[in-house]
Amino acid sequence: MTNGLVVVTGAPRSGTSWMVQQIAKLGIPPVARPFLKEHRKIRHMNQGGFYDSKLFDVLLAKMRRACIKVWGGLLSFVSPSKVSFVIVCQRNRDDTIRSYGNLLKELGWLFPKWIARVVVDIHLNAIKKWCLTTDIPYRIVDMDNISDEVMTSIGREICQ
């Protein structure tokens, strides 16, 4: 069984919250709660919970068997020595950008569309850099084509 943190990462709206829920079903508890106070307006967009970790959670996560969702831009705050496995959630980039733009609108943050594109790209680039500069095993998961077989395989990788 995995000791240490299982990090679930991706750009905003890439399926990371759903993946944390699935990892929790494997018996690896999430570090964060499903909903934060900030989720009041957008709770309907993720019925099962967001599991967003605050920077404080990321910095203080103990070396224990747990799952933590960390957006790509915050990965540099995660100590690789605490991490046993990384799951990188990916969706179609345009769908991710559109979904993130919709979430920002729901929050009342009216940004031009290019802002969502830049934010998504910053996260994706940070993920690539972090994964390439650490020796931590990771798996890129195509969230547009997720299946029971893929989740079973991930479970085996994490729990071996």
C-alpha atoms as a PDB file:
ATOM      1  CA  MET A   1       0.000   0.000   0.000  1.00  0.00           C
ATOM      2  CA  THR A   2       1.253   3.468  -0.859  1.00  0.00           C
ATOM      3  CA  ASN A   3       2.870   5.457   1.930  1.00  0.00           C
ATOM      4  CA  GLY A   4       3.116   9.168   1.373  1.00  0.00           C
ATOM      5  CA  LEU A   5       1.029  11.474  -0.708  1.00  0.00           C
ATOM      6  CA  VAL A   6      -0.742  10.655  -3.917  1.00  0.00           C
ATOM      7  CA  VAL A   7      -0.849  13.975  -5.751  1.00  0.00           C
ATOM      8  CA  VAL A   8      -3.687  14.566  -8.195  1.00  0.00           C
ATOM      9  CA  THR A   9      -2.895  17.473 -10.476  1.00  0.00           C
ATOM     10  CA  GLY A  10      -4.108  19.128 -13.622  1.00  0.00           C
ATOM     11  CA  ALA A  11      -5.381  22.415 -14.921  1.00  0.00           C
ATOM     12  CA  PRO A  12      -8.580  23.814 -13.421  1.00  0.00           C
ATOM     13  CA  ARG A  13     -11.643  21.868 -14.674  1.00  0.00           C
ATOM     14  CA  SER A  14      -9.582  18.907 -15.908  1.00  0.00           C
ATOM     15  CA  GLY A  15     -11.215  16.223 -13.756  1.00  0.00           C
ATOM     16  CA  THR A  16      -8.997  16.441 -10.680  1.00  0.00           C
ATOM     17  CA  SER A  17     -11.894  16.634  -8.202  1.00  0.00           C
ATOM     18  CA  TRP A  18     -13.501  13.516  -9.654  1.00  0.00           C
ATOM     19  CA  MET A  19     -10.170  11.707  -9.534  1.00  0.00           C
ATOM     20  CA  VAL A  20      -9.709  12.581  -5.842  1.00  0.00           C
ATOM     21  CA  GLN A  21     -13.164  11.113  -5.174  1.00  0.00           C
ATOM     22  CA  GLN A  22     -12.135   7.881  -6.932  1.00  0.00           C
ATOM     23  CA  ILE A  23      -8.827   7.661  -5.046  1.00  0.00           C
ATOM     24  CA  ALA A  24     -10.750   8.100  -1.775  1.00  0.00           C
ATOM     25  CA  LYS A  25     -12.848   5.055  -2.734  1.00  0.00           C
ATOM     26  CA  LEU A  26      -9.584   3.070  -2.802  1.00  0.00           C
ATOM     27  CA  GLY A  27      -9.109   3.897   0.880  1.00  0.00           C
ATOM     28  CA  ILE A  28      -6.639   6.748   0.447  1.00  0.00           C
ATOM     29  CA  PRO A  29      -8.240   9.716   2.227  1.00  0.00           C
ATOM     30  CA  PRO A  30      -8.144  13.226   0.763  1.00  0.00           C
ATOM     31  CA  VAL A  31      -6.276  15.930   2.662  1.00  0.00           C
ATOM     32  CA  ALA A  32      -8.897  18.602   1.870  1.00  0.00           C
ATOM     33  CA  ARG A  33     -12.614  18.762   2.522  1.00  0.00           C
ATOM     34  CA  PRO A  34     -15.039  18.404  -0.411  1.00  0.00           C
ATOM     35  CA  PHE A  35     -16.236  22.004  -0.200  1.00  0.00           C
ATOM     36  CA  LEU A  36     -14.703  25.231   1.045  1.00  0.00           C
ATOM     37  CA  LYS A  37     -16.560  28.410   1.906  1.00  0.00           C
ATOM     38  CA  GLU A  38     -15.457  29.803  -1.470  1.00  0.00           C
ATOM     39  CA  HIS A  39     -17.469  27.120  -3.280  1.00  0.00           C
ATOM     40  CA  ARG A  40     -20.911  28.446  -2.252  1.00  0.00           C
ATOM     41  CA  LYS A  41     -21.739  29.939  -5.658  1.00  0.00           C
ATOM     42  CA  ILE A  42     -20.392  27.051  -7.724  1.00  0.00           C
ATOM     43  CA  ARG A  43     -21.308  24.005  -5.647  1.00  0.00           C
ATOM     44  CA  HIS A  44     -23.697  22.856  -8.396  1.00  0.00           C
ATOM     45  CA  MET A  45     -20.759  22.564 -10.826  1.00  0.00           C
ATOM     46  CA  ASN A  46     -19.163  19.717  -8.818  1.00  0.00           C
ATOM     47  CA  GLN A  47     -21.829  17.873  -6.853  1.00  0.00           C
ATOM     48  CA  GLY A  48     -19.314  15.440  -5.336  1.00  0.00           C
ATOM     49  CA  GLY A  49     -17.000  18.152  -4.051  1.00  0.00           C
ATOM     50  CA  PHE A  50     -13.983  20.091  -5.258  1.00  0.00           C
ATOM     51  CA  TYR A  51     -11.354  18.933  -2.723  1.00  0.00           C
ATOM     52  CA  ASP A  52      -9.301  22.062  -3.374  1.00  0.00           C
ATOM     53  CA  SER A  53      -6.256  22.207  -1.151  1.00  0.00           C
ATOM     54  CA  LYS A  54      -5.207  25.552   0.177  1.00  0.00           C
ATOM     55  CA  LEU A  55      -1.521  26.389   0.040  1.00  0.00           C
ATOM     56  CA  PHE A  56      -1.415  25.774   3.800  1.00  0.00           C
ATOM     57  CA  ASP A  57      -2.570  22.157   3.214  1.00  0.00           C
ATOM     58  CA  VAL A  58       0.105  21.653   0.573  1.00  0.00           C
ATOM     59  CA  LEU A  59       2.919  22.993   2.753  1.00  0.00           C
ATOM     60  CA  LEU A  60       1.899  21.103   5.885  1.00  0.00           C
ATOM     61  CA  ALA A  61       0.822  17.783   4.382  1.00  0.00           C
ATOM     62  CA  LYS A  62       2.479  15.133   6.489  1.00  0.00           C
ATOM     63  CA  MET A  63       4.291  12.119   5.105  1.00  0.00           C
ATOM     64  CA  ARG A  64       1.296   9.843   5.366  1.00  0.00           C
ATOM     65  CA  ARG A  65      -0.943   7.814   3.172  1.00  0.00           C
ATOM     66  CA  ALA A  66      -3.256  10.462   1.743  1.00  0.00           C
ATOM     67  CA  CYS A  67      -4.378  12.070  -1.494  1.00  0.00           C
ATOM     68  CA  ILE A  68      -4.003  15.761  -2.202  1.00  0.00           C
ATOM     69  CA  LYS A  69      -5.257  17.771  -5.151  1.00  0.00           C
ATOM     70  CA  VAL A  70      -2.732  20.369  -6.238  1.00  0.00           C
ATOM     71  CA  TRP A  71      -3.220  22.543  -9.283  1.00  0.00           C
ATOM     72  CA  GLY A  72      -0.167  22.587 -11.509  1.00  0.00           C
ATOM     73  CA  GLY A  73       0.883  26.103 -10.583  1.00  0.00           C
ATOM     74  CA  LEU A  74       1.250  25.086  -6.921  1.00  0.00           C
ATOM     75  CA  LEU A  75       3.296  21.930  -7.502  1.00  0.00           C
ATOM     76  CA  SER A  76       6.538  23.771  -6.815  1.00  0.00           C
ATOM     77  CA  PHE A  77       5.385  24.058  -3.173  1.00  0.00           C
ATOM     78  CA  VAL A  78       5.135  20.275  -2.813  1.00  0.00           C
ATOM     79  CA  SER A  79       8.193  18.534  -1.422  1.00  0.00           C
ATOM     80  CA  PRO A  80       8.942  15.590  -3.743  1.00  0.00           C
ATOM     81  CA  SER A  81      10.183  13.602  -0.738  1.00  0.00           C
ATOM     82  CA  LYS A  82       6.586  13.481   0.574  1.00  0.00           C
ATOM     83  CA  VAL A  83       5.085  12.199  -2.680  1.00  0.00           C
ATOM     84  CA  SER A  84       4.808   8.554  -3.698  1.00  0.00           C
ATOM     85  CA  PHE A  85       2.762   8.902  -6.908  1.00  0.00           C
ATOM     86  CA  VAL A  86       1.346  11.631  -9.162  1.00  0.00           C
ATOM     87  CA  ILE A  87      -1.783  11.445 -11.285  1.00  0.00           C
ATOM     88  CA  VAL A  88      -1.962  14.085 -14.018  1.00  0.00           C
ATOM     89  CA  CYS A  89      -5.532  14.659 -15.217  1.00  0.00           C
ATOM     90  CA  GLN A  90      -5.908  15.914 -18.766  1.00  0.00           C
ATOM     91  CA  ARG A  91      -8.926  16.852 -20.844  1.00  0.00           C
ATOM     92  CA  ASN A  92      -9.261  18.385 -24.257  1.00  0.00           C
ATOM     93  CA  ARG A  93      -7.554  21.785 -23.836  1.00  0.00           C
ATOM     94  CA  ASP A  94     -10.366  23.777 -25.477  1.00  0.00           C
ATOM     95  CA  ASP A  95     -13.017  22.043 -23.327  1.00  0.00           C
ATOM     96  CA  THR A  96     -10.947  22.721 -20.211  1.00  0.00           C
ATOM     97  CA  ILE A  97     -10.602  26.409 -21.109  1.00  0.00           C
ATOM     98  CA  ARG A  98     -14.324  26.733 -21.871  1.00  0.00           C
ATOM     99  CA  SER A  99     -15.284  25.003 -18.612  1.00  0.00           C
ATOM    100  CA  TYR A 100     -12.886  27.154 -16.586  1.00  0.00           C
ATOM    101  CA  GLY A 101     -14.250  30.306 -18.230  1.00  0.00           C
ATOM    102  CA  ASN A 102     -17.780  29.206 -17.290  1.00  0.00           C
ATOM    103  CA  LEU A 103     -16.702  28.618 -13.691  1.00  0.00           C
ATOM    104  CA  LEU A 104     -15.178  32.108 -13.518  1.00  0.00           C
ATOM    105  CA  LYS A 105     -18.436  33.581 -14.852  1.00  0.00           C
ATOM    106  CA  GLU A 106     -20.422  31.691 -12.199  1.00  0.00           C
ATOM    107  CA  LEU A 107     -18.195  33.308  -9.593  1.00  0.00           C
ATOM    108  CA  GLY A 108     -18.937  36.709 -11.101  1.00  0.00           C
ATOM    109  CA  TRP A 109     -15.380  37.167 -12.329  1.00  0.00           C
ATOM    110  CA  LEU A 110     -15.750  38.563 -15.821  1.00  0.00           C
ATOM    111  CA  PHE A 111     -12.420  38.050 -17.507  1.00  0.00           C
ATOM    112  CA  PRO A 112     -11.679  37.983 -21.220  1.00  0.00           C
ATOM    113  CA  LYS A 113     -11.539  34.439 -22.616  1.00  0.00           C
ATOM    114  CA  TRP A 114      -7.784  34.636 -23.113  1.00  0.00           C
ATOM    115  CA  ILE A 115      -7.284  34.837 -19.326  1.00  0.00           C
ATOM    116  CA  ALA A 116      -8.736  31.330 -18.894  1.00  0.00           C
ATOM    117  CA  ARG A 117      -6.470  30.117 -21.719  1.00  0.00           C
ATOM    118  CA  VAL A 118      -3.369  31.623 -20.076  1.00  0.00           C
ATOM    119  CA  VAL A 119      -4.232  30.184 -16.647  1.00  0.00           C
ATOM    120  CA  VAL A 120      -4.788  26.691 -18.074  1.00  0.00           C
ATOM    121  CA  ASP A 121      -1.512  26.863 -20.016  1.00  0.00           C
ATOM    122  CA  ILE A 122       0.436  28.048 -16.953  1.00  0.00           C
ATOM    123  CA  HIS A 123      -0.826  25.031 -15.007  1.00  0.00           C
ATOM    124  CA  LEU A 124      -0.060  22.598 -17.840  1.00  0.00           C
ATOM    125  CA  ASN A 125       3.488  23.930 -18.259  1.00  0.00           C
ATOM    126  CA  ALA A 126       4.144  23.802 -14.507  1.00  0.00           C
ATOM    127  CA  ILE A 127       2.994  20.163 -14.422  1.00  0.00           C
ATOM    128  CA  LYS A 128       5.302  19.174 -17.286  1.00  0.00           C
ATOM    129  CA  LYS A 129       8.260  20.901 -15.648  1.00  0.00           C
ATOM    130  CA  TRP A 130       7.625  19.374 -12.202  1.00  0.00           C
ATOM    131  CA  CYS A 131       7.117  15.835 -13.505  1.00  0.00           C
ATOM    132  CA  LEU A 132      10.246  16.031 -15.647  1.00  0.00           C
ATOM    133  CA  THR A 133      12.439  17.311 -12.810  1.00  0.00           C
ATOM    134  CA  THR A 134      11.462  14.729 -10.182  1.00  0.00           C
ATOM    135  CA  ASP A 135      11.904  10.975 -10.062  1.00  0.00           C
ATOM    136  CA  ILE A 136       8.386  10.399  -8.779  1.00  0.00           C
ATOM    137  CA  PRO A 137       6.323   7.893 -10.737  1.00  0.00           C
ATOM    138  CA  TYR A 138       3.424   9.564 -12.491  1.00  0.00           C
ATOM    139  CA  ARG A 139       0.605   8.692 -14.800  1.00  0.00           C
ATOM    140  CA  ILE A 140      -1.122  10.948 -17.299  1.00  0.00           C
ATOM    141  CA  VAL A 141      -4.834  10.155 -17.430  1.00  0.00           C
ATOM    142  CA  ASP A 142      -6.993  11.139 -20.384  1.00  0.00           C
ATOM    143  CA  MET A 143     -10.136  12.176 -18.526  1.00  0.00           C
ATOM    144  CA  ASP A 144     -12.113  12.325 -21.781  1.00  0.00           C
ATOM    145  CA  ASN A 145     -11.676   8.552 -22.124  1.00  0.00           C
ATOM    146  CA  ILE A 146     -11.708   7.344 -18.523  1.00  0.00           C
ATOM    147  CA  SER A 147     -12.999   3.826 -17.919  1.00  0.00           C
ATOM    148  CA  ASP A 148     -13.310   1.239 -15.162  1.00  0.00           C
ATOM    149  CA  GLU A 149     -10.258  -0.524 -16.592  1.00  0.00           C
ATOM    150  CA  VAL A 150      -8.179   2.654 -16.357  1.00  0.00           C
ATOM    151  CA  MET A 151      -9.281   3.226 -12.750  1.00  0.00           C
ATOM    152  CA  THR A 152      -8.478  -0.397 -11.842  1.00  0.00           C
ATOM    153  CA  SER A 153      -5.018   0.036 -13.334  1.00  0.00           C
ATOM    154  CA  ILE A 154      -4.474   3.284 -11.423  1.00  0.00           C
ATOM    155  CA  GLY A 155      -5.595   1.568  -8.237  1.00  0.00           C
ATOM    156  CA  ARG A 156      -3.017  -1.171  -8.776  1.00  0.00           C
ATOM    157  CA  GLU A 157      -0.259   1.367  -9.433  1.00  0.00           C
ATOM    158  CA  ILE A 158      -1.070   3.373  -6.320  1.00  0.00           C
ATOM    159  CA  CYS A 159      -1.667   0.472  -3.973  1.00  0.00           C
ATOM    160  CA  GLN A 160       1.231  -1.784  -4.884  1.00  0.00           C
END
